[in-house]
Amino acid sequence: MAAHLARHKQYPAAARSAGTQGSGTISFTIDGSGRVTSASVVRGTGAAILDQELAAMARRASPFPPPPGGRSMNFTVPIGFHLN
């Protein structure tokens, strides 16, 4: 799940140009077909623009691979935004 989510991560241009960095945690639920039904930030990055990207990333990543048994599942994933 984390790898699928990471493929949809976008570093906001405004945050990048301002040198804004941080790590946060996103929690999301997928239904039996892999569609995101809810997403929320459970630990913020310290920057509103990066927190908004956490939730947007989960929605862009939808649909995920369907979970085993076709049941809804919850996931909590840490995500970092770091400039090199």
N, C-alpha and C. Protein backbone atom coordinates (compact mmCIF):
# COMPACT_ATOMS: atom_id res chain seq x y z
N MET A 1 0.81 -1.18 0.00
CA MET A 1 0.00 0.00 0.00
C MET A 1 0.86 1.26 0.00
N ALA A 2 1.91 1.26 0.81
CA ALA A 2 2.77 2.44 0.88
C ALA A 2 3.42 2.73 -0.46
N ALA A 3 3.83 1.70 -1.18
CA ALA A 3 4.48 1.90 -2.49
C ALA A 3 3.48 2.46 -3.50
N HIS A 4 2.26 1.94 -3.49
CA HIS A 4 1.23 2.46 -4.40
C HIS A 4 0.95 3.93 -4.08
N LEU A 5 0.83 4.24 -2.81
CA LEU A 5 0.57 5.61 -2.37
C LEU A 5 1.72 6.53 -2.79
N ALA A 6 2.95 6.09 -2.60
CA ALA A 6 4.12 6.91 -2.91
C ALA A 6 4.20 7.29 -4.39
N ARG A 7 3.68 6.44 -5.28
CA ARG A 7 3.70 6.76 -6.70
C ARG A 7 2.84 7.97 -7.04
N HIS A 8 1.96 8.36 -6.12
CA HIS A 8 1.05 9.48 -6.35
C HIS A 8 1.41 10.71 -5.52
N LYS A 9 2.57 10.69 -4.90
CA LYS A 9 3.04 11.80 -4.08
C LYS A 9 3.55 12.92 -4.98
N GLN A 10 3.12 14.14 -4.68
CA GLN A 10 3.59 15.32 -5.39
C GLN A 10 4.03 16.33 -4.35
N TYR A 11 5.23 16.84 -4.51
CA TYR A 11 5.73 17.86 -3.59
C TYR A 11 5.17 19.19 -4.07
N PRO A 12 4.32 19.86 -3.29
CA PRO A 12 3.74 21.12 -3.76
C PRO A 12 4.83 22.14 -4.14
N ALA A 13 4.67 22.76 -5.30
CA ALA A 13 5.67 23.69 -5.82
C ALA A 13 5.94 24.83 -4.83
N ALA A 14 4.89 25.36 -4.22
CA ALA A 14 5.07 26.46 -3.26
C ALA A 14 5.89 26.01 -2.05
N ALA A 15 5.66 24.78 -1.60
CA ALA A 15 6.41 24.25 -0.46
C ALA A 15 7.86 24.02 -0.86
N ARG A 16 8.06 23.49 -2.05
CA ARG A 16 9.42 23.24 -2.53
C ARG A 16 10.20 24.55 -2.64
N SER A 17 9.60 25.56 -3.25
CA SER A 17 10.32 26.83 -3.44
C SER A 17 10.58 27.54 -2.12
N ALA A 18 9.72 27.31 -1.13
CA ALA A 18 9.92 27.93 0.19
C ALA A 18 10.84 27.10 1.08
N GLY A 19 11.23 25.90 0.61
CA GLY A 19 12.09 25.03 1.41
C GLY A 19 11.35 24.34 2.55
N THR A 20 10.03 24.24 2.44
CA THR A 20 9.21 23.63 3.49
C THR A 20 9.36 22.11 3.44
N GLN A 21 9.64 21.52 4.60
CA GLN A 21 9.80 20.09 4.72
C GLN A 21 9.01 19.59 5.93
N GLY A 22 8.77 18.30 5.98
CA GLY A 22 8.09 17.73 7.14
C GLY A 22 7.69 16.30 6.90
N SER A 23 7.29 15.65 7.97
CA SER A 23 6.79 14.27 7.90
C SER A 23 5.46 14.22 8.63
N GLY A 24 4.54 13.46 8.07
CA GLY A 24 3.23 13.33 8.67
C GLY A 24 2.71 11.93 8.47
N THR A 25 1.52 11.69 8.95
CA THR A 25 0.90 10.38 8.83
C THR A 25 -0.52 10.54 8.32
N ILE A 26 -0.85 9.74 7.32
CA ILE A 26 -2.19 9.75 6.72
C ILE A 26 -2.89 8.44 7.06
N SER A 27 -4.17 8.54 7.34
CA SER A 27 -5.00 7.36 7.56
C SER A 27 -6.09 7.38 6.50
N PHE A 28 -6.33 6.23 5.89
CA PHE A 28 -7.37 6.19 4.86
C PHE A 28 -8.04 4.82 4.86
N THR A 29 -9.24 4.81 4.32
CA THR A 29 -10.04 3.59 4.22
C THR A 29 -10.32 3.33 2.76
N ILE A 30 -10.18 2.06 2.37
CA ILE A 30 -10.56 1.67 1.02
C ILE A 30 -11.71 0.67 1.11
N ASP A 31 -12.59 0.73 0.11
CA ASP A 31 -13.70 -0.22 0.08
C ASP A 31 -13.25 -1.53 -0.57
N GLY A 32 -14.16 -2.46 -0.74
CA GLY A 32 -13.82 -3.77 -1.27
C GLY A 32 -13.27 -3.77 -2.68
N SER A 33 -13.50 -2.69 -3.42
CA SER A 33 -12.95 -2.62 -4.78
C SER A 33 -11.66 -1.80 -4.85
N GLY A 34 -11.20 -1.28 -3.71
CA GLY A 34 -9.94 -0.53 -3.66
C GLY A 34 -10.09 0.97 -3.73
N ARG A 35 -11.32 1.46 -3.78
CA ARG A 35 -11.54 2.92 -3.84
C ARG A 35 -11.40 3.54 -2.45
N VAL A 36 -10.76 4.70 -2.40
CA VAL A 36 -10.63 5.43 -1.14
C VAL A 36 -11.99 6.02 -0.77
N THR A 37 -12.46 5.69 0.44
CA THR A 37 -13.74 6.21 0.90
C THR A 37 -13.58 7.32 1.92
N SER A 38 -12.41 7.39 2.57
CA SER A 38 -12.12 8.48 3.50
C SER A 38 -10.61 8.59 3.66
N ALA A 39 -10.16 9.79 3.96
CA ALA A 39 -8.74 10.04 4.19
C ALA A 39 -8.61 11.20 5.17
N SER A 40 -7.71 11.05 6.14
CA SER A 40 -7.49 12.13 7.10
C SER A 40 -6.04 12.12 7.58
N VAL A 41 -5.57 13.28 7.95
CA VAL A 41 -4.22 13.43 8.49
C VAL A 41 -4.30 13.12 9.98
N VAL A 42 -3.51 12.15 10.43
CA VAL A 42 -3.52 11.80 11.85
C VAL A 42 -2.34 12.42 12.59
N ARG A 43 -1.29 12.76 11.86
CA ARG A 43 -0.15 13.51 12.44
C ARG A 43 0.31 14.46 11.37
N GLY A 44 0.16 15.74 11.64
CA GLY A 44 0.51 16.76 10.67
C GLY A 44 2.01 16.92 10.48
N THR A 45 2.36 17.55 9.37
CA THR A 45 3.75 17.80 9.02
C THR A 45 4.29 19.08 9.64
N GLY A 46 3.38 19.92 10.12
CA GLY A 46 3.78 21.23 10.63
C GLY A 46 3.59 22.31 9.58
N ALA A 47 3.15 21.92 8.39
CA ALA A 47 2.90 22.87 7.31
C ALA A 47 1.57 22.52 6.64
N ALA A 48 0.65 23.46 6.63
CA ALA A 48 -0.70 23.20 6.09
C ALA A 48 -0.65 22.73 4.65
N ILE A 49 0.23 23.29 3.84
CA ILE A 49 0.29 22.91 2.43
C ILE A 49 0.71 21.44 2.26
N LEU A 50 1.59 20.95 3.12
CA LEU A 50 2.01 19.55 3.04
C LEU A 50 0.91 18.64 3.60
N ASP A 51 0.21 19.10 4.63
CA ASP A 51 -0.90 18.32 5.17
C ASP A 51 -2.00 18.15 4.13
N GLN A 52 -2.28 19.20 3.37
CA GLN A 52 -3.28 19.11 2.31
C GLN A 52 -2.86 18.10 1.25
N GLU A 53 -1.57 18.05 0.96
CA GLU A 53 -1.06 17.10 -0.03
C GLU A 53 -1.18 15.67 0.47
N LEU A 54 -1.05 15.44 1.77
CA LEU A 54 -1.21 14.09 2.31
C LEU A 54 -2.59 13.52 1.94
N ALA A 55 -3.64 14.29 2.21
CA ALA A 55 -4.99 13.83 1.91
C ALA A 55 -5.22 13.73 0.40
N ALA A 56 -4.71 14.70 -0.35
CA ALA A 56 -4.89 14.69 -1.81
C ALA A 56 -4.19 13.48 -2.43
N MET A 57 -3.04 13.13 -1.90
CA MET A 57 -2.28 11.99 -2.43
C MET A 57 -3.09 10.69 -2.29
N ALA A 58 -3.74 10.49 -1.16
CA ALA A 58 -4.54 9.28 -0.97
C ALA A 58 -5.68 9.23 -1.98
N ARG A 59 -6.30 10.36 -2.23
CA ARG A 59 -7.41 10.38 -3.19
C ARG A 59 -6.92 10.16 -4.63
N ARG A 60 -5.76 10.72 -4.99
CA ARG A 60 -5.20 10.51 -6.32
C ARG A 60 -4.81 9.06 -6.54
N ALA A 61 -4.40 8.39 -5.48
CA ALA A 61 -3.94 7.00 -5.59
C ALA A 61 -5.09 6.02 -5.79
N SER A 62 -6.31 6.48 -5.59
CA SER A 62 -7.49 5.62 -5.75
C SER A 62 -7.74 5.34 -7.23
N PRO A 63 -7.99 4.10 -7.60
CA PRO A 63 -8.20 2.95 -6.72
C PRO A 63 -6.88 2.23 -6.41
N PHE A 64 -6.84 1.65 -5.23
CA PHE A 64 -5.75 0.77 -4.81
C PHE A 64 -6.10 -0.64 -5.29
N PRO A 65 -5.15 -1.55 -5.22
CA PRO A 65 -5.51 -2.95 -5.50
C PRO A 65 -6.59 -3.39 -4.51
N PRO A 66 -7.59 -4.13 -4.96
CA PRO A 66 -8.65 -4.57 -4.05
C PRO A 66 -8.09 -5.40 -2.89
N PRO A 67 -8.60 -5.17 -1.69
CA PRO A 67 -8.11 -5.94 -0.54
C PRO A 67 -8.57 -7.39 -0.61
N PRO A 68 -7.84 -8.28 0.04
CA PRO A 68 -8.24 -9.69 0.07
C PRO A 68 -9.64 -9.84 0.67
N GLY A 69 -10.43 -10.68 0.07
CA GLY A 69 -11.77 -10.92 0.57
C GLY A 69 -12.77 -9.85 0.22
N GLY A 70 -12.34 -8.80 -0.47
CA GLY A 70 -13.26 -7.75 -0.88
C GLY A 70 -13.87 -6.96 0.26
N ARG A 71 -13.18 -6.87 1.39
CA ARG A 71 -13.67 -6.13 2.54
C ARG A 71 -12.99 -4.77 2.63
N SER A 72 -13.68 -3.81 3.22
CA SER A 72 -13.09 -2.50 3.49
C SER A 72 -11.91 -2.67 4.44
N MET A 73 -10.89 -1.86 4.25
CA MET A 73 -9.72 -1.92 5.12
C MET A 73 -9.23 -0.51 5.41
N ASN A 74 -8.63 -0.34 6.60
CA ASN A 74 -8.04 0.92 7.03
C ASN A 74 -6.52 0.79 7.00
N PHE A 75 -5.86 1.88 6.61
CA PHE A 75 -4.40 1.91 6.57
C PHE A 75 -3.93 3.22 7.18
N THR A 76 -2.79 3.17 7.84
CA THR A 76 -2.13 4.36 8.36
C THR A 76 -0.69 4.31 7.88
N VAL A 77 -0.29 5.38 7.16
CA VAL A 77 1.01 5.37 6.49
C VAL A 77 1.76 6.67 6.78
N PRO A 78 3.02 6.59 7.23
CA PRO A 78 3.84 7.79 7.38
C PRO A 78 4.37 8.24 6.01
N ILE A 79 4.40 9.54 5.81
CA ILE A 79 4.89 10.12 4.55
C ILE A 79 5.82 11.28 4.89
N GLY A 80 6.95 11.31 4.21
CA GLY A 80 7.89 12.41 4.43
C GLY A 80 8.04 13.28 3.18
N PHE A 81 8.19 14.56 3.41
CA PHE A 81 8.47 15.53 2.35
C PHE A 81 9.82 16.16 2.69
N HIS A 82 10.85 15.73 1.98
CA HIS A 82 12.20 16.20 2.28
C HIS A 82 12.90 16.60 0.99
N LEU A 83 13.52 17.76 1.03
CA LEU A 83 14.28 18.25 -0.13
C LEU A 83 15.69 17.67 -0.07
N ASN A 84 16.22 17.36 -1.22
CA ASN A 84 17.59 16.79 -1.27
C ASN A 84 18.60 17.88 -1.49
